[in-house]
């Protein structure tokens, strides 16, 4: 399945450059391994798409709602951090 999402310019460029290899998204849509993310660059200052887009194949999806690693208090106090690494 193809899923279109907008991405702010500063993040779009990092993805395009191969530096940012993850997406942090609210889990308000279905996304599965093998799906294609169509990431469309969004200029938030002009409130419009720039016309640039990139397609990325989804290799892993991890949803945090059901994770039991930390207590709600720890999450509220410290939040999450997303770590990207190369294989």
N, C-alpha and C. Protein backbone atom coordinates (compact mmCIF):
# COMPACT_ATOMS: atom_id res chain seq x y z
N UNK A 1 0.84 -1.17 0.00
CA UNK A 1 0.00 0.00 0.00
C UNK A 1 0.89 1.24 0.00
N UNK A 2 0.47 2.28 -0.70
CA UNK A 2 1.18 3.56 -0.68
C UNK A 2 0.48 4.49 0.29
N UNK A 3 1.28 5.15 1.12
CA UNK A 3 0.77 6.06 2.13
C UNK A 3 1.45 7.40 1.92
N UNK A 4 0.68 8.45 1.68
CA UNK A 4 1.24 9.80 1.48
C UNK A 4 1.22 10.58 2.78
N UNK A 5 2.35 11.21 3.09
CA UNK A 5 2.47 12.06 4.27
C UNK A 5 3.29 13.28 3.92
N UNK A 6 2.97 14.39 4.57
CA UNK A 6 3.79 15.58 4.34
C UNK A 6 4.93 15.61 5.36
N UNK A 7 6.04 16.19 4.95
CA UNK A 7 7.24 16.29 5.78
C UNK A 7 7.79 17.70 5.64
N UNK A 8 8.07 18.33 6.77
CA UNK A 8 8.64 19.69 6.74
C UNK A 8 9.99 19.67 6.02
N UNK A 9 10.29 20.79 5.39
CA UNK A 9 11.49 20.93 4.56
C UNK A 9 12.76 20.48 5.27
N UNK A 10 12.97 20.90 6.52
CA UNK A 10 14.23 20.56 7.21
C UNK A 10 14.38 19.05 7.38
N UNK A 11 13.29 18.33 7.60
CA UNK A 11 13.35 16.88 7.74
C UNK A 11 13.40 16.20 6.38
N UNK A 12 12.69 16.74 5.40
CA UNK A 12 12.70 16.18 4.04
C UNK A 12 14.13 16.15 3.51
N UNK A 13 14.86 17.24 3.68
CA UNK A 13 16.23 17.32 3.18
C UNK A 13 17.13 16.30 3.86
N UNK A 14 16.95 16.09 5.17
CA UNK A 14 17.74 15.09 5.89
C UNK A 14 17.46 13.68 5.37
N UNK A 15 16.20 13.40 5.03
CA UNK A 15 15.84 12.11 4.45
C UNK A 15 16.48 11.98 3.08
N UNK A 16 16.35 13.02 2.27
CA UNK A 16 16.92 13.03 0.93
C UNK A 16 18.43 12.81 0.95
N UNK A 17 19.10 13.41 1.94
CA UNK A 17 20.55 13.28 2.07
C UNK A 17 20.98 11.94 2.68
N UNK A 18 20.01 11.13 3.11
CA UNK A 18 20.32 9.83 3.69
C UNK A 18 20.73 9.87 5.15
N UNK A 19 20.55 11.02 5.81
CA UNK A 19 20.94 11.17 7.21
C UNK A 19 19.81 10.67 8.13
N UNK A 20 18.58 11.05 7.84
CA UNK A 20 17.42 10.67 8.65
C UNK A 20 16.80 9.42 8.03
N UNK A 21 16.84 8.32 8.78
CA UNK A 21 16.39 7.03 8.26
C UNK A 21 15.26 6.46 9.11
N UNK A 22 14.38 7.32 9.56
CA UNK A 22 13.25 6.92 10.39
C UNK A 22 12.15 7.97 10.27
N UNK A 23 10.96 7.64 10.69
CA UNK A 23 9.87 8.59 10.80
C UNK A 23 9.22 8.38 12.15
N UNK A 24 8.96 9.44 12.87
CA UNK A 24 8.19 9.40 14.10
C UNK A 24 6.84 10.00 13.77
N UNK A 25 5.79 9.22 13.90
CA UNK A 25 4.45 9.64 13.51
C UNK A 25 3.44 9.23 14.57
N UNK A 26 2.40 10.03 14.71
CA UNK A 26 1.26 9.64 15.51
C UNK A 26 0.65 8.41 14.84
N UNK A 27 0.30 7.41 15.62
CA UNK A 27 -0.22 6.15 15.05
C UNK A 27 -1.70 6.29 14.74
N UNK A 28 -2.04 7.26 13.90
CA UNK A 28 -3.44 7.50 13.55
C UNK A 28 -3.77 6.96 12.16
N UNK A 29 -2.90 6.11 11.61
CA UNK A 29 -3.13 5.47 10.33
C UNK A 29 -2.43 4.11 10.35
N UNK A 30 -2.88 3.23 9.49
CA UNK A 30 -2.29 1.89 9.41
C UNK A 30 -1.05 1.92 8.52
N UNK A 31 0.01 1.32 8.99
CA UNK A 31 1.26 1.26 8.25
C UNK A 31 1.91 -0.08 8.57
N UNK A 32 2.34 -0.79 7.53
CA UNK A 32 2.91 -2.12 7.72
C UNK A 32 4.22 -2.26 6.95
N UNK A 33 5.03 -3.23 7.38
CA UNK A 33 6.26 -3.54 6.66
C UNK A 33 5.91 -3.86 5.21
N UNK A 34 6.69 -3.31 4.29
CA UNK A 34 6.46 -3.52 2.87
C UNK A 34 5.67 -2.39 2.22
N UNK A 35 4.97 -1.58 3.02
CA UNK A 35 4.25 -0.43 2.48
C UNK A 35 5.24 0.59 1.94
N UNK A 36 4.77 1.49 1.12
CA UNK A 36 5.60 2.56 0.57
C UNK A 36 5.12 3.89 1.17
N UNK A 37 6.04 4.60 1.81
CA UNK A 37 5.74 5.95 2.28
C UNK A 37 6.11 6.93 1.17
N UNK A 38 5.14 7.70 0.74
CA UNK A 38 5.39 8.78 -0.21
C UNK A 38 5.47 10.04 0.63
N UNK A 39 6.67 10.55 0.80
CA UNK A 39 6.92 11.71 1.65
C UNK A 39 6.97 12.95 0.78
N UNK A 40 6.02 13.87 1.00
CA UNK A 40 5.91 15.08 0.20
C UNK A 40 6.39 16.26 1.02
N UNK A 41 7.33 17.00 0.46
CA UNK A 41 7.91 18.14 1.17
C UNK A 41 6.86 19.23 1.37
N UNK A 42 6.75 19.71 2.62
CA UNK A 42 5.78 20.71 3.01
C UNK A 42 6.50 21.95 3.53
N UNK A 43 6.22 23.10 2.90
CA UNK A 43 6.77 24.37 3.35
C UNK A 43 5.79 24.97 4.34
N UNK A 44 6.11 24.88 5.63
CA UNK A 44 5.20 25.33 6.68
C UNK A 44 5.06 26.85 6.73
N UNK A 45 6.06 27.59 6.22
CA UNK A 45 5.96 29.06 6.19
C UNK A 45 4.95 29.52 5.15
N UNK A 46 4.94 28.84 3.99
CA UNK A 46 4.01 29.20 2.92
C UNK A 46 2.73 28.38 2.98
N UNK A 47 2.72 27.36 3.86
CA UNK A 47 1.55 26.49 4.02
C UNK A 47 1.17 25.80 2.70
N UNK A 48 2.22 25.23 2.02
CA UNK A 48 1.98 24.57 0.75
C UNK A 48 3.05 23.52 0.48
N UNK A 49 2.73 22.58 -0.41
CA UNK A 49 3.71 21.59 -0.84
C UNK A 49 4.70 22.25 -1.80
N UNK A 50 5.95 21.78 -1.78
CA UNK A 50 6.98 22.35 -2.65
C UNK A 50 7.02 21.67 -4.02
N UNK A 51 6.45 20.48 -4.12
CA UNK A 51 6.51 19.71 -5.36
C UNK A 51 7.52 18.58 -5.30
N UNK A 52 8.41 18.60 -4.30
CA UNK A 52 9.38 17.51 -4.17
C UNK A 52 8.77 16.38 -3.34
N UNK A 53 9.06 15.16 -3.73
CA UNK A 53 8.62 14.01 -2.96
C UNK A 53 9.62 12.88 -3.12
N UNK A 54 9.58 11.98 -2.17
CA UNK A 54 10.47 10.82 -2.18
C UNK A 54 9.68 9.62 -1.68
N UNK A 55 9.97 8.45 -2.23
CA UNK A 55 9.31 7.22 -1.80
C UNK A 55 10.29 6.37 -1.01
N UNK A 56 9.82 5.83 0.11
CA UNK A 56 10.65 4.96 0.94
C UNK A 56 9.85 3.72 1.31
N UNK A 57 10.50 2.56 1.20
CA UNK A 57 9.85 1.30 1.59
C UNK A 57 9.95 1.13 3.10
N UNK A 58 8.83 0.78 3.73
CA UNK A 58 8.78 0.57 5.17
C UNK A 58 9.41 -0.79 5.48
N UNK A 59 10.41 -0.79 6.36
CA UNK A 59 11.08 -2.04 6.72
C UNK A 59 10.71 -2.52 8.12
N UNK A 60 10.21 -1.61 8.97
CA UNK A 60 9.82 -1.98 10.33
C UNK A 60 8.85 -0.95 10.87
N UNK A 61 7.86 -1.41 11.63
CA UNK A 61 6.93 -0.51 12.32
C UNK A 61 6.88 -0.95 13.77
N UNK A 62 7.13 -0.03 14.70
CA UNK A 62 7.02 -0.32 16.13
C UNK A 62 6.06 0.71 16.73
N UNK A 63 4.99 0.23 17.30
CA UNK A 63 4.01 1.13 17.92
C UNK A 63 4.26 1.17 19.42
N UNK A 64 4.22 2.36 20.00
CA UNK A 64 4.60 2.52 21.40
C UNK A 64 3.46 2.36 22.37
N UNK A 65 2.23 2.38 21.91
CA UNK A 65 1.08 2.34 22.82
C UNK A 65 1.11 1.14 23.76
N UNK A 66 1.48 -0.01 23.25
CA UNK A 66 1.43 -1.22 24.05
C UNK A 66 2.77 -1.64 24.64
N UNK A 67 3.79 -0.82 24.50
CA UNK A 67 5.08 -1.15 25.10
C UNK A 67 5.00 -1.02 26.61
N UNK A 68 5.64 -1.94 27.30
CA UNK A 68 5.59 -1.93 28.76
C UNK A 68 6.98 -1.76 29.37
N UNK A 69 7.87 -1.09 28.65
CA UNK A 69 9.24 -0.91 29.13
C UNK A 69 9.32 0.08 30.29
N UNK A 70 8.52 1.14 30.23
CA UNK A 70 8.61 2.21 31.21
C UNK A 70 7.24 2.53 31.77
N UNK A 71 7.24 3.12 32.95
CA UNK A 71 5.97 3.54 33.56
C UNK A 71 5.50 4.85 32.92
N UNK A 72 4.21 5.14 33.06
CA UNK A 72 3.66 6.40 32.54
C UNK A 72 4.38 7.58 33.17
N UNK A 73 4.72 7.49 34.44
CA UNK A 73 5.41 8.58 35.14
C UNK A 73 6.78 8.85 34.51
N UNK A 74 7.52 7.78 34.20
CA UNK A 74 8.83 7.94 33.56
C UNK A 74 8.69 8.59 32.18
N UNK A 75 7.70 8.15 31.42
CA UNK A 75 7.47 8.70 30.08
C UNK A 75 7.07 10.17 30.18
N UNK A 76 6.16 10.49 31.11
CA UNK A 76 5.74 11.89 31.28
C UNK A 76 6.90 12.78 31.68
N UNK A 77 7.80 12.26 32.50
CA UNK A 77 8.93 13.04 32.99
C UNK A 77 10.03 13.20 31.94
N UNK A 78 10.36 12.11 31.23
CA UNK A 78 11.53 12.12 30.35
C UNK A 78 11.20 12.09 28.87
N UNK A 79 10.01 11.63 28.50
CA UNK A 79 9.65 11.52 27.09
C UNK A 79 10.39 10.38 26.41
N UNK A 80 10.29 10.36 25.09
CA UNK A 80 10.97 9.35 24.28
C UNK A 80 12.12 9.99 23.51
N UNK A 81 13.06 9.18 23.10
CA UNK A 81 14.02 9.61 22.10
C UNK A 81 14.08 8.49 21.05
N UNK A 82 14.20 8.89 19.82
CA UNK A 82 14.29 7.93 18.72
C UNK A 82 15.74 7.88 18.30
N UNK A 83 16.29 6.70 18.19
CA UNK A 83 17.70 6.53 17.85
C UNK A 83 17.79 5.79 16.52
N UNK A 84 18.50 6.35 15.59
CA UNK A 84 18.71 5.72 14.30
C UNK A 84 20.14 5.20 14.24
N UNK A 85 20.31 4.05 13.63
CA UNK A 85 21.67 3.52 13.48
C UNK A 85 21.81 2.77 12.18
N UNK A 86 23.03 2.63 11.73
CA UNK A 86 23.33 1.90 10.50
C UNK A 86 23.57 0.44 10.82
N UNK A 87 23.28 -0.42 9.86
CA UNK A 87 23.53 -1.85 10.07
C UNK A 87 24.98 -2.20 9.82
